[in-house]
Amino acid sequence: MYYVVKRFEISGSHHLELPYESKCSCKHGHNWIITVHCRAEKLNEWGMVTDFTHIKRDVTDVLDHADINKVLPFNPTAENLARWIQERIENCYRVEVRESEGNLAIYEVD
């Protein structure tokens, strides 16, 4: 099995739709640290699991420096972002979304 891991940072704003009072209901920003884990039993025709450049491009072209509520059709929690990223990236089985030093969400395919 081959594994690759790509880590990068995006900046953006969002707010959360919550049924209770929360500071996160107000628009605010993060410098999210995204870590994408991919694996494959065989390498593609170019000798890769997934191109590192494509991993970053498929996320940053949509989310970096964006109002994320305006570009994604769901409540942009870190958990939801992790799943959305996993579904976009070829051979991805795990995504970590760190929105601050103490807050990390992980989505992993079983």
PDB file of N, CA and C in Angstrom:
ATOM      1  N   MET A   1       0.852  -1.174   0.000  1.00  0.00           N
ATOM      2  CA  MET A   1       0.000   0.000   0.000  1.00  0.00           C
ATOM      3  C   MET A   1       0.896   1.234   0.000  1.00  0.00           C
ATOM      4  N   TYR A   2       0.549   2.206  -0.807  1.00  0.00           N
ATOM      5  CA  TYR A   2       1.258   3.489  -0.852  1.00  0.00           C
ATOM      6  C   TYR A   2       0.420   4.538  -0.127  1.00  0.00           C
ATOM      7  N   TYR A   3       1.093   5.448   0.560  1.00  0.00           N
ATOM      8  CA  TYR A   3       0.421   6.520   1.285  1.00  0.00           C
ATOM      9  C   TYR A   3       1.077   7.850   0.958  1.00  0.00           C
ATOM     10  N   VAL A   4       0.273   8.891   0.851  1.00  0.00           N
ATOM     11  CA  VAL A   4       0.789  10.255   0.762  1.00  0.00           C
ATOM     12  C   VAL A   4      -0.023  11.129   1.713  1.00  0.00           C
ATOM     13  N   VAL A   5       0.633  12.156   2.236  1.00  0.00           N
ATOM     14  CA  VAL A   5      -0.019  13.107   3.131  1.00  0.00           C
ATOM     15  C   VAL A   5       0.333  14.508   2.646  1.00  0.00           C
ATOM     16  N   LYS A   6      -0.679  15.347   2.488  1.00  0.00           N
ATOM     17  CA  LYS A   6      -0.481  16.736   2.073  1.00  0.00           C
ATOM     18  C   LYS A   6      -1.060  17.629   3.156  1.00  0.00           C
ATOM     19  N   ARG A   7      -0.263  18.585   3.615  1.00  0.00           N
ATOM     20  CA  ARG A   7      -0.693  19.538   4.646  1.00  0.00           C
ATOM     21  C   ARG A   7      -0.574  20.930   4.059  1.00  0.00           C
ATOM     22  N   PHE A   8      -1.617  21.763   4.238  1.00  0.00           N
ATOM     23  CA  PHE A   8      -1.586  23.126   3.732  1.00  0.00           C
ATOM     24  C   PHE A   8      -2.537  23.989   4.543  1.00  0.00           C
ATOM     25  N   GLU A   9      -2.474  25.279   4.309  1.00  0.00           N
ATOM     26  CA  GLU A   9      -3.278  26.239   5.063  1.00  0.00           C
ATOM     27  C   GLU A   9      -4.181  27.013   4.120  1.00  0.00           C
ATOM     28  N   ILE A  10      -5.411  27.248   4.565  1.00  0.00           N
ATOM     29  CA  ILE A  10      -6.322  28.134   3.845  1.00  0.00           C
ATOM     30  C   ILE A  10      -6.850  29.171   4.830  1.00  0.00           C
ATOM     31  N   SER A  11      -7.177  30.319   4.314  1.00  0.00           N
ATOM     32  CA  SER A  11      -7.786  31.382   5.117  1.00  0.00           C
ATOM     33  C   SER A  11      -9.170  31.652   4.571  1.00  0.00           C
ATOM     34  N   GLY A  12     -10.109  31.881   5.461  1.00  0.00           N
ATOM     35  CA  GLY A  12     -11.456  32.188   5.001  1.00  0.00           C
ATOM     36  C   GLY A  12     -12.341  32.577   6.161  1.00  0.00           C
ATOM     37  N   SER A  13     -13.528  33.027   5.804  1.00  0.00           N
ATOM     38  CA  SER A  13     -14.507  33.393   6.823  1.00  0.00           C
ATOM     39  C   SER A  13     -15.704  32.467   6.727  1.00  0.00           C
ATOM     40  N   HIS A  14     -16.443  32.391   7.822  1.00  0.00           N
ATOM     41  CA  HIS A  14     -17.686  31.625   7.848  1.00  0.00           C
ATOM     42  C   HIS A  14     -18.459  32.009   9.098  1.00  0.00           C
ATOM     43  N   HIS A  15     -19.658  31.539   9.159  1.00  0.00           N
ATOM     44  CA  HIS A  15     -20.437  31.579  10.389  1.00  0.00           C
ATOM     45  C   HIS A  15     -21.214  30.279  10.450  1.00  0.00           C
ATOM     46  N   LEU A  16     -21.602  29.880  11.635  1.00  0.00           N
ATOM     47  CA  LEU A  16     -22.330  28.630  11.803  1.00  0.00           C
ATOM     48  C   LEU A  16     -23.788  28.908  12.114  1.00  0.00           C
ATOM     49  N   GLU A  17     -24.653  28.141  11.507  1.00  0.00           N
ATOM     50  CA  GLU A  17     -26.088  28.186  11.797  1.00  0.00           C
ATOM     51  C   GLU A  17     -26.336  27.227  12.950  1.00  0.00           C
ATOM     52  N   LEU A  18     -26.632  27.785  14.125  1.00  0.00           N
ATOM     53  CA  LEU A  18     -26.787  26.974  15.327  1.00  0.00           C
ATOM     54  C   LEU A  18     -28.106  27.295  16.011  1.00  0.00           C
ATOM     55  N   PRO A  19     -28.730  26.321  16.662  1.00  0.00           N
ATOM     56  CA  PRO A  19     -30.009  26.557  17.333  1.00  0.00           C
ATOM     57  C   PRO A  19     -29.850  27.117  18.748  1.00  0.00           C
ATOM     58  N   TYR A  20     -28.654  27.533  19.098  1.00  0.00           N
ATOM     59  CA  TYR A  20     -28.376  28.086  20.420  1.00  0.00           C
ATOM     60  C   TYR A  20     -27.445  29.280  20.243  1.00  0.00           C
ATOM     61  N   GLU A  21     -27.346  30.112  21.273  1.00  0.00           N
ATOM     62  CA  GLU A  21     -26.499  31.297  21.200  1.00  0.00           C
ATOM     63  C   GLU A  21     -25.031  30.887  21.220  1.00  0.00           C
ATOM     64  N   SER A  22     -24.272  31.433  20.258  1.00  0.00           N
ATOM     65  CA  SER A  22     -22.861  31.098  20.157  1.00  0.00           C
ATOM     66  C   SER A  22     -22.130  32.207  19.422  1.00  0.00           C
ATOM     67  N   LYS A  23     -20.890  32.479  19.834  1.00  0.00           N
ATOM     68  CA  LYS A  23     -20.060  33.440  19.110  1.00  0.00           C
ATOM     69  C   LYS A  23     -19.858  32.994  17.666  1.00  0.00           C
ATOM     70  N   CYS A  24     -19.897  31.704  17.421  1.00  0.00           N
ATOM     71  CA  CYS A  24     -19.648  31.173  16.076  1.00  0.00           C
ATOM     72  C   CYS A  24     -20.789  31.465  15.100  1.00  0.00           C
ATOM     73  N   SER A  25     -21.905  31.961  15.612  1.00  0.00           N
ATOM     74  CA  SER A  25     -23.003  32.356  14.728  1.00  0.00           C
ATOM     75  C   SER A  25     -22.703  33.669  14.018  1.00  0.00           C
ATOM     76  N   CYS A  26     -21.733  34.414  14.525  1.00  0.00           N
ATOM     77  CA  CYS A  26     -21.301  35.658  13.883  1.00  0.00           C
ATOM     78  C   CYS A  26     -20.191  35.332  12.884  1.00  0.00           C
ATOM     79  N   LYS A  27     -20.146  36.099  11.812  1.00  0.00           N
ATOM     80  CA  LYS A  27     -19.088  35.881  10.821  1.00  0.00           C
ATOM     81  C   LYS A  27     -17.725  36.091  11.483  1.00  0.00           C
ATOM     82  N   HIS A  28     -16.828  35.147  11.220  1.00  0.00           N
ATOM     83  CA  HIS A  28     -15.466  35.207  11.754  1.00  0.00           C
ATOM     84  C   HIS A  28     -14.556  34.440  10.809  1.00  0.00           C
ATOM     85  N   GLY A  29     -13.271  34.510  11.031  1.00  0.00           N
ATOM     86  CA  GLY A  29     -12.330  33.853  10.129  1.00  0.00           C
ATOM     87  C   GLY A  29     -11.388  32.913  10.844  1.00  0.00           C
ATOM     88  N   HIS A  30     -10.789  32.055  10.034  1.00  0.00           N
ATOM     89  CA  HIS A  30      -9.787  31.107  10.527  1.00  0.00           C
ATOM     90  C   HIS A  30      -8.672  30.991   9.493  1.00  0.00           C
ATOM     91  N   ASN A  31      -7.525  30.583   9.967  1.00  0.00           N
ATOM     92  CA  ASN A  31      -6.473  30.056   9.107  1.00  0.00           C
ATOM     93  C   ASN A  31      -6.472  28.564   9.380  1.00  0.00           C
ATOM     94  N   TRP A  32      -7.264  27.830   8.598  1.00  0.00           N
ATOM     95  CA  TRP A  32      -7.403  26.396   8.784  1.00  0.00           C
ATOM     96  C   TRP A  32      -6.155  25.678   8.290  1.00  0.00           C
ATOM     97  N   ILE A  33      -5.702  24.706   9.063  1.00  0.00           N
ATOM     98  CA  ILE A  33      -4.630  23.807   8.630  1.00  0.00           C
ATOM     99  C   ILE A  33      -5.330  22.511   8.200  1.00  0.00           C
ATOM    100  N   ILE A  34      -5.157  22.162   6.948  1.00  0.00           N
ATOM    101  CA  ILE A  34      -5.807  20.990   6.368  1.00  0.00           C
ATOM    102  C   ILE A  34      -4.737  19.922   6.132  1.00  0.00           C
ATOM    103  N   THR A  35      -5.002  18.707   6.590  1.00  0.00           N
ATOM    104  CA  THR A  35      -4.105  17.585   6.323  1.00  0.00           C
ATOM    105  C   THR A  35      -4.921  16.502   5.633  1.00  0.00           C
ATOM    106  N   VAL A  36      -4.468  16.139   4.428  1.00  0.00           N
ATOM    107  CA  VAL A  36      -5.174  15.174   3.588  1.00  0.00           C
ATOM    108  C   VAL A  36      -4.327  13.910   3.493  1.00  0.00           C
ATOM    109  N   HIS A  37      -4.932  12.763   3.779  1.00  0.00           N
ATOM    110  CA  HIS A  37      -4.263  11.465   3.724  1.00  0.00           C
ATOM    111  C   HIS A  37      -4.872  10.659   2.575  1.00  0.00           C
ATOM    112  N   CYS A  38      -4.015  10.163   1.681  1.00  0.00           N
ATOM    113  CA  CYS A  38      -4.467   9.352   0.554  1.00  0.00           C
ATOM    114  C   CYS A  38      -3.681   8.044   0.525  1.00  0.00           C
ATOM    115  N   ARG A  39      -4.306   7.026  -0.079  1.00  0.00           N
ATOM    116  CA  ARG A  39      -3.626   5.741  -0.201  1.00  0.00           C
ATOM    117  C   ARG A  39      -4.095   5.034  -1.464  1.00  0.00           C
ATOM    118  N   ALA A  40      -3.243   4.141  -1.954  1.00  0.00           N
ATOM    119  CA  ALA A  40      -3.583   3.330  -3.124  1.00  0.00           C
ATOM    120  C   ALA A  40      -2.715   2.080  -3.135  1.00  0.00           C
ATOM    121  N   GLU A  41      -3.294   1.005  -3.608  1.00  0.00           N
ATOM    122  CA  GLU A  41      -2.525  -0.232  -3.740  1.00  0.00           C
ATOM    123  C   GLU A  41      -1.582  -0.169  -4.924  1.00  0.00           C
ATOM    124  N   LYS A  42      -1.988   0.571  -5.956  1.00  0.00           N
ATOM    125  CA  LYS A  42      -1.157   0.729  -7.151  1.00  0.00           C
ATOM    126  C   LYS A  42      -0.998   2.208  -7.450  1.00  0.00           C
ATOM    127  N   LEU A  43       0.147   2.557  -7.984  1.00  0.00           N
ATOM    128  CA  LEU A  43       0.380   3.938  -8.391  1.00  0.00           C
ATOM    129  C   LEU A  43      -0.277   4.191  -9.739  1.00  0.00           C
ATOM    130  N   ASN A  44      -0.637   5.447  -9.995  1.00  0.00           N
ATOM    131  CA  ASN A  44      -1.236   5.775 -11.286  1.00  0.00           C
ATOM    132  C   ASN A  44      -0.161   5.759 -12.379  1.00  0.00           C
ATOM    133  N   GLU A  45      -0.546   6.103 -13.593  1.00  0.00           N
ATOM    134  CA  GLU A  45       0.386   6.008 -14.725  1.00  0.00           C
ATOM    135  C   GLU A  45       1.589   6.933 -14.602  1.00  0.00           C
ATOM    136  N   TRP A  46       1.535   7.928 -13.717  1.00  0.00           N
ATOM    137  CA  TRP A  46       2.653   8.851 -13.509  1.00  0.00           C
ATOM    138  C   TRP A  46       3.464   8.495 -12.263  1.00  0.00           C
ATOM    139  N   GLY A  47       3.125   7.361 -11.636  1.00  0.00           N
ATOM    140  CA  GLY A  47       3.864   6.914 -10.462  1.00  0.00           C
ATOM    141  C   GLY A  47       3.444   7.586  -9.168  1.00  0.00           C
ATOM    142  N   MET A  48       2.171   7.988  -9.079  1.00  0.00           N
ATOM    143  CA  MET A  48       1.675   8.695  -7.892  1.00  0.00           C
ATOM    144  C   MET A  48       0.424   8.035  -7.331  1.00  0.00           C
ATOM    145  N   VAL A  49       0.192   8.253  -6.032  1.00  0.00           N
ATOM    146  CA  VAL A  49      -1.092   7.921  -5.421  1.00  0.00           C
ATOM    147  C   VAL A  49      -2.097   8.970  -5.877  1.00  0.00           C
ATOM    148  N   THR A  50      -1.791  10.207  -5.616  1.00  0.00           N
ATOM    149  CA  THR A  50      -2.562  11.376  -6.017  1.00  0.00           C
ATOM    150  C   THR A  50      -1.577  12.530  -6.089  1.00  0.00           C
ATOM    151  N   ASP A  51      -1.677  13.363  -7.088  1.00  0.00           N
ATOM    152  CA  ASP A  51      -0.749  14.479  -7.261  1.00  0.00           C
ATOM    153  C   ASP A  51      -0.927  15.489  -6.121  1.00  0.00           C
ATOM    154  N   PHE A  52       0.156  15.817  -5.418  1.00  0.00           N
ATOM    155  CA  PHE A  52       0.093  16.782  -4.318  1.00  0.00           C
ATOM    156  C   PHE A  52      -0.501  18.110  -4.779  1.00  0.00           C
ATOM    157  N   THR A  53      -0.143  18.532  -5.978  1.00  0.00           N
ATOM    158  CA  THR A  53      -0.650  19.805  -6.506  1.00  0.00           C
ATOM    159  C   THR A  53      -2.166  19.761  -6.673  1.00  0.00           C
ATOM    160  N   HIS A  54      -2.689  18.637  -7.122  1.00  0.00           N
ATOM    161  CA  HIS A  54      -4.137  18.511  -7.308  1.00  0.00           C
ATOM    162  C   HIS A  54      -4.866  18.508  -5.976  1.00  0.00           C
ATOM    163  N   ILE A  55      -4.269  17.897  -4.968  1.00  0.00           N
ATOM    164  CA  ILE A  55      -4.892  17.882  -3.643  1.00  0.00           C
ATOM    165  C   ILE A  55      -5.106  19.318  -3.170  1.00  0.00           C
ATOM    166  N   LYS A  56      -4.055  20.107  -3.198  1.00  0.00           N
ATOM    167  CA  LYS A  56      -4.159  21.486  -2.723  1.00  0.00           C
ATOM    168  C   LYS A  56      -5.087  22.304  -3.606  1.00  0.00           C
ATOM    169  N   ARG A  57      -4.938  22.187  -4.920  1.00  0.00           N
ATOM    170  CA  ARG A  57      -5.748  22.965  -5.851  1.00  0.00           C
ATOM    171  C   ARG A  57      -7.243  22.698  -5.670  1.00  0.00           C
ATOM    172  N   ASP A  58      -7.629  21.437  -5.506  1.00  0.00           N
ATOM    173  CA  ASP A  58      -9.047  21.080  -5.416  1.00  0.00           C
ATOM    174  C   ASP A  58      -9.730  21.660  -4.187  1.00  0.00           C
ATOM    175  N   VAL A  59      -8.951  22.055  -3.207  1.00  0.00           N
ATOM    176  CA  VAL A  59      -9.518  22.672  -2.007  1.00  0.00           C
ATOM    177  C   VAL A  59      -9.321  24.186  -2.037  1.00  0.00           C
ATOM    178  N   THR A  60      -8.109  24.642  -2.269  1.00  0.00           N
ATOM    179  CA  THR A  60      -7.832  26.081  -2.172  1.00  0.00           C
ATOM    180  C   THR A  60      -8.542  26.887  -3.241  1.00  0.00           C
ATOM    181  N   ASP A  61      -8.708  26.344  -4.443  1.00  0.00           N
ATOM    182  CA  ASP A  61      -9.392  27.104  -5.495  1.00  0.00           C
ATOM    183  C   ASP A  61     -10.822  27.446  -5.111  1.00  0.00           C
ATOM    184  N   VAL A  62     -11.429  26.645  -4.247  1.00  0.00           N
ATOM    185  CA  VAL A  62     -12.806  26.884  -3.824  1.00  0.00           C
ATOM    186  C   VAL A  62     -12.870  27.664  -2.509  1.00  0.00           C
ATOM    187  N   LEU A  63     -12.025  27.321  -1.541  1.00  0.00           N
ATOM    188  CA  LEU A  63     -12.190  27.833  -0.181  1.00  0.00           C
ATOM    189  C   LEU A  63     -11.252  28.955   0.244  1.00  0.00           C
ATOM    190  N   ASP A  64     -10.053  29.032  -0.312  1.00  0.00           N
ATOM    191  CA  ASP A  64      -9.073  29.989   0.209  1.00  0.00           C
ATOM    192  C   ASP A  64      -9.534  31.424  -0.028  1.00  0.00           C
ATOM    193  N   HIS A  65      -9.531  32.210   1.027  1.00  0.00           N
ATOM    194  CA  HIS A  65      -9.937  33.609   1.030  1.00  0.00           C
ATOM    195  C   HIS A  65     -11.379  33.799   0.573  1.00  0.00           C
ATOM    196  N   ALA A  66     -12.227  32.855   0.912  1.00  0.00           N
ATOM    197  CA  ALA A  66     -13.637  32.913   0.538  1.00  0.00           C
ATOM    198  C   ALA A  66     -14.504  33.071   1.780  1.00  0.00           C
ATOM    199  N   ASP A  67     -15.725  33.570   1.558  1.00  0.00           N
ATOM    200  CA  ASP A  67     -16.778  33.468   2.565  1.00  0.00           C
ATOM    201  C   ASP A  67     -17.376  32.086   2.342  1.00  0.00           C
ATOM    202  N   ILE A  68     -17.001  31.141   3.153  1.00  0.00           N
ATOM    203  CA  ILE A  68     -17.306  29.740   2.901  1.00  0.00           C
ATOM    204  C   ILE A  68     -18.805  29.467   2.890  1.00  0.00           C
ATOM    205  N   ASN A  69     -19.583  30.228   3.649  1.00  0.00           N
ATOM    206  CA  ASN A  69     -21.032  30.060   3.613  1.00  0.00           C
ATOM    207  C   ASN A  69     -21.600  30.343   2.219  1.00  0.00           C
ATOM    208  N   LYS A  70     -20.920  31.180   1.449  1.00  0.00           N
ATOM    209  CA  LYS A  70     -21.418  31.538   0.116  1.00  0.00           C
ATOM    210  C   LYS A  70     -21.027  30.526  -0.957  1.00  0.00           C
ATOM    211  N   VAL A  71     -20.057  29.659  -0.674  1.00  0.00           N
ATOM    212  CA  VAL A  71     -19.595  28.729  -1.711  1.00  0.00           C
ATOM    213  C   VAL A  71     -19.941  27.270  -1.427  1.00  0.00           C
ATOM    214  N   LEU A  72     -20.338  26.938  -0.211  1.00  0.00           N
ATOM    215  CA  LEU A  72     -20.694  25.557   0.109  1.00  0.00           C
ATOM    216  C   LEU A  72     -22.156  25.487   0.550  1.00  0.00           C
ATOM    217  N   PRO A  73     -22.862  24.419   0.178  1.00  0.00           N
ATOM    218  CA  PRO A  73     -24.301  24.331   0.453  1.00  0.00           C
ATOM    219  C   PRO A  73     -24.658  23.692   1.796  1.00  0.00           C
ATOM    220  N   PHE A  74     -23.784  23.796   2.781  1.00  0.00           N
ATOM    221  CA  PHE A  74     -24.046  23.189   4.084  1.00  0.00           C
ATOM    222  C   PHE A  74     -23.445  24.059   5.172  1.00  0.00           C
ATOM    223  N   ASN A  75     -23.803  23.784   6.410  1.00  0.00           N
ATOM    224  CA  ASN A  75     -23.261  24.492   7.563  1.00  0.00           C
ATOM    225  C   ASN A  75     -21.760  24.167   7.651  1.00  0.00           C
ATOM    226  N   PRO A  76     -20.885  25.167   7.468  1.00  0.00           N
ATOM    227  CA  PRO A  76     -19.453  24.891   7.331  1.00  0.00           C
ATOM    228  C   PRO A  76     -18.714  24.693   8.654  1.00  0.00           C
ATOM    229  N   THR A  77     -19.116  23.653   9.370  1.00  0.00           N
ATOM    230  CA  THR A  77     -18.360  23.249  10.554  1.00  0.00           C
ATOM    231  C   THR A  77     -17.058  22.601  10.094  1.00  0.00           C
ATOM    232  N   ALA A  78     -16.108  22.486  10.988  1.00  0.00           N
ATOM    233  CA  ALA A  78     -14.856  21.802  10.645  1.00  0.00           C
ATOM    234  C   ALA A  78     -15.120  20.352  10.253  1.00  0.00           C
ATOM    235  N   GLU A  79     -16.081  19.719  10.911  1.00  0.00           N
ATOM    236  CA  GLU A  79     -16.425  18.337  10.596  1.00  0.00           C
ATOM    237  C   GLU A  79     -16.976  18.214   9.171  1.00  0.00           C
ATOM    238  N   ASN A  80     -17.890  19.117   8.815  1.00  0.00           N
ATOM    239  CA  ASN A  80     -18.462  19.089   7.468  1.00  0.00           C
ATOM    240  C   ASN A  80     -17.418  19.417   6.407  1.00  0.00           C
ATOM    241  N   LEU A  81     -16.516  20.342   6.717  1.00  0.00           N
ATOM    242  CA  LEU A  81     -15.439  20.653   5.773  1.00  0.00           C
ATOM    243  C   LEU A  81     -14.550  19.434   5.546  1.00  0.00           C
ATOM    244  N   ALA A  82     -14.241  18.706   6.604  1.00  0.00           N
ATOM    245  CA  ALA A  82     -13.391  17.523   6.467  1.00  0.00           C
ATOM    246  C   ALA A  82     -14.029  16.493   5.536  1.00  0.00           C
ATOM    247  N   ARG A  83     -15.301  16.250   5.705  1.00  0.00           N
ATOM    248  CA  ARG A  83     -15.969  15.277   4.828  1.00  0.00           C
ATOM    249  C   ARG A  83     -16.029  15.783   3.386  1.00  0.00           C
ATOM    250  N   TRP A  84     -16.351  17.054   3.180  1.00  0.00           N
ATOM    251  CA  TRP A  84     -16.415  17.629   1.834  1.00  0.00           C
ATOM    252  C   TRP A  84     -15.067  17.484   1.119  1.00  0.00           C
ATOM    253  N   ILE A  85     -13.991  17.755   1.836  1.00  0.00           N
ATOM    254  CA  ILE A  85     -12.654  17.635   1.249  1.00  0.00           C
ATOM    255  C   ILE A  85     -12.376  16.178   0.890  1.00  0.00           C
ATOM    256  N   GLN A  86     -12.678  15.252   1.793  1.00  0.00           N
ATOM    257  CA  GLN A  86     -12.431  13.834   1.527  1.00  0.00           C
ATOM    258  C   GLN A  86     -13.147  13.379   0.264  1.00  0.00           C
ATOM    259  N   GLU A  87     -14.354  13.842   0.062  1.00  0.00           N
ATOM    260  CA  GLU A  87     -15.134  13.431  -1.099  1.00  0.00           C
ATOM    261  C   GLU A  87     -14.601  14.008  -2.410  1.00  0.00           C
ATOM    262  N   ARG A  88     -13.818  15.080  -2.358  1.00  0.00           N
ATOM    263  CA  ARG A  88     -13.278  15.723  -3.563  1.00  0.00           C
ATOM    264  C   ARG A  88     -11.944  15.151  -4.024  1.00  0.00           C
ATOM    265  N   ILE A  89     -11.211  14.525  -3.134  1.00  0.00           N
ATOM    266  CA  ILE A  89      -9.826  14.146  -3.412  1.00  0.00           C
ATOM    267  C   ILE A  89      -9.732  12.662  -3.758  1.00  0.00           C
ATOM    268  N   GLU A  90      -9.106  12.373  -4.871  1.00  0.00           N
ATOM    269  CA  GLU A  90      -8.920  10.997  -5.316  1.00  0.00           C
ATOM    270  C   GLU A  90      -8.080  10.217  -4.305  1.00  0.00           C
ATOM    271  N   ASN A  91      -8.533   9.026  -3.962  1.00  0.00           N
ATOM    272  CA  ASN A  91      -7.838   8.098  -3.060  1.00  0.00           C
ATOM    273  C   ASN A  91      -7.739   8.597  -1.621  1.00  0.00           C
ATOM    274  N   CYS A  92      -8.507   9.615  -1.266  1.00  0.00           N
ATOM    275  CA  CYS A  92      -8.449  10.170   0.089  1.00  0.00           C
ATOM    276  C   CYS A  92      -9.266   9.307   1.045  1.00  0.00           C
ATOM    277  N   TYR A  93      -8.686   9.005   2.198  1.00  0.00           N
ATOM    278  CA  TYR A  93      -9.400   8.227   3.200  1.00  0.00           C
ATOM    279  C   TYR A  93      -9.482   8.940   4.553  1.00  0.00           C
ATOM    280  N   ARG A  94      -8.736  10.051   4.722  1.00  0.00           N
ATOM    281  CA  ARG A  94      -8.740  10.758   6.009  1.00  0.00           C
ATOM    282  C   ARG A  94      -8.409  12.221   5.769  1.00  0.00           C
ATOM    283  N   VAL A  95      -9.152  13.093   6.444  1.00  0.00           N
ATOM    284  CA  VAL A  95      -8.884  14.533   6.386  1.00  0.00           C
ATOM    285  C   VAL A  95      -8.946  15.093   7.798  1.00  0.00           C
ATOM    286  N   GLU A  96      -7.971  15.912   8.127  1.00  0.00           N
ATOM    287  CA  GLU A  96      -7.948  16.622   9.402  1.00  0.00           C
ATOM    288  C   GLU A  96      -8.095  18.111   9.112  1.00  0.00           C
ATOM    289  N   VAL A  97      -9.019  18.751   9.817  1.00  0.00           N
ATOM    290  CA  VAL A  97      -9.235  20.186   9.670  1.00  0.00           C
ATOM    291  C   VAL A  97      -9.009  20.815  11.035  1.00  0.00           C
ATOM    292  N   ARG A  98      -7.935  21.591  11.149  1.00  0.00           N
ATOM    293  CA  ARG A  98      -7.602  22.273  12.399  1.00  0.00           C
ATOM    294  C   ARG A  98      -7.966  23.744  12.221  1.00  0.00           C
ATOM    295  N   GLU A  99      -8.968  24.197  12.997  1.00  0.00           N
ATOM    296  CA  GLU A  99      -9.372  25.594  12.860  1.00  0.00           C
ATOM    297  C   GLU A  99      -8.669  26.506  13.852  1.00  0.00           C
ATOM    298  N   SER A 100      -8.085  25.920  14.869  1.00  0.00           N
ATOM    299  CA  SER A 100      -7.270  26.662  15.826  1.00  0.00           C
ATOM    300  C   SER A 100      -6.385  25.644  16.539  1.00  0.00           C
ATOM    301  N   GLU A 101      -5.493  26.125  17.357  1.00  0.00           N
ATOM    302  CA  GLU A 101      -4.545  25.235  18.029  1.00  0.00           C
ATOM    303  C   GLU A 101      -5.250  24.132  18.805  1.00  0.00           C
ATOM    304  N   GLY A 102      -6.372  24.444  19.412  1.00  0.00           N
ATOM    305  CA  GLY A 102      -7.044  23.462  20.253  1.00  0.00           C
ATOM    306  C   GLY A 102      -8.219  22.752  19.617  1.00  0.00           C
ATOM    307  N   ASN A 103      -8.549  23.063  18.359  1.00  0.00           N
ATOM    308  CA  ASN A 103      -9.746  22.500  17.738  1.00  0.00           C
ATOM    309  C   ASN A 103      -9.404  21.761  16.443  1.00  0.00           C
ATOM    310  N   LEU A 104      -9.611  20.458  16.461  1.00  0.00           N
ATOM    311  CA  LEU A 104      -9.299  19.602  15.328  1.00  0.00           C
ATOM    312  C   LEU A 104     -10.482  18.694  15.052  1.00  0.00           C
ATOM    313  N   ALA A 105     -10.925  18.654  13.782  1.00  0.00           N
ATOM    314  CA  ALA A 105     -11.964  17.716  13.356  1.00  0.00           C
ATOM    315  C   ALA A 105     -11.353  16.753  12.359  1.00  0.00           C
ATOM    316  N   ILE A 106     -11.739  15.490  12.456  1.00  0.00           N
ATOM    317  CA  ILE A 106     -11.215  14.456  11.580  1.00  0.00           C
ATOM    318  C   ILE A 106     -12.377  13.710  10.943  1.00  0.00           C
ATOM    319  N   TYR A 107     -12.276  13.495   9.647  1.00  0.00           N
ATOM    320  CA  TYR A 107     -13.210  12.608   8.954  1.00  0.00           C
ATOM    321  C   TYR A 107     -12.381  11.498   8.327  1.00  0.00           C
ATOM    322  N   GLU A 108     -12.787  10.254   8.592  1.00  0.00           N
ATOM    323  CA  GLU A 108     -12.058   9.116   8.048  1.00  0.00           C
ATOM    324  C   GLU A 108     -13.039   8.089   7.507  1.00  0.00           C
ATOM    325  N   VAL A 109     -12.746   7.608   6.311  1.00  0.00           N
ATOM    326  CA  VAL A 109     -13.553   6.561   5.698  1.00  0.00           C
ATOM    327  C   VAL A 109     -13.169   5.231   6.328  1.00  0.00           C
ATOM    328  N   ASP A 110     -14.145   4.446   6.717  1.00  0.00           N
ATOM    329  CA  ASP A 110     -13.868   3.125   7.309  1.00  0.00           C
ATOM    330  C   ASP A 110     -13.400   2.147   6.260  1.00  0.00           C
TER     331      ASP A 110
END
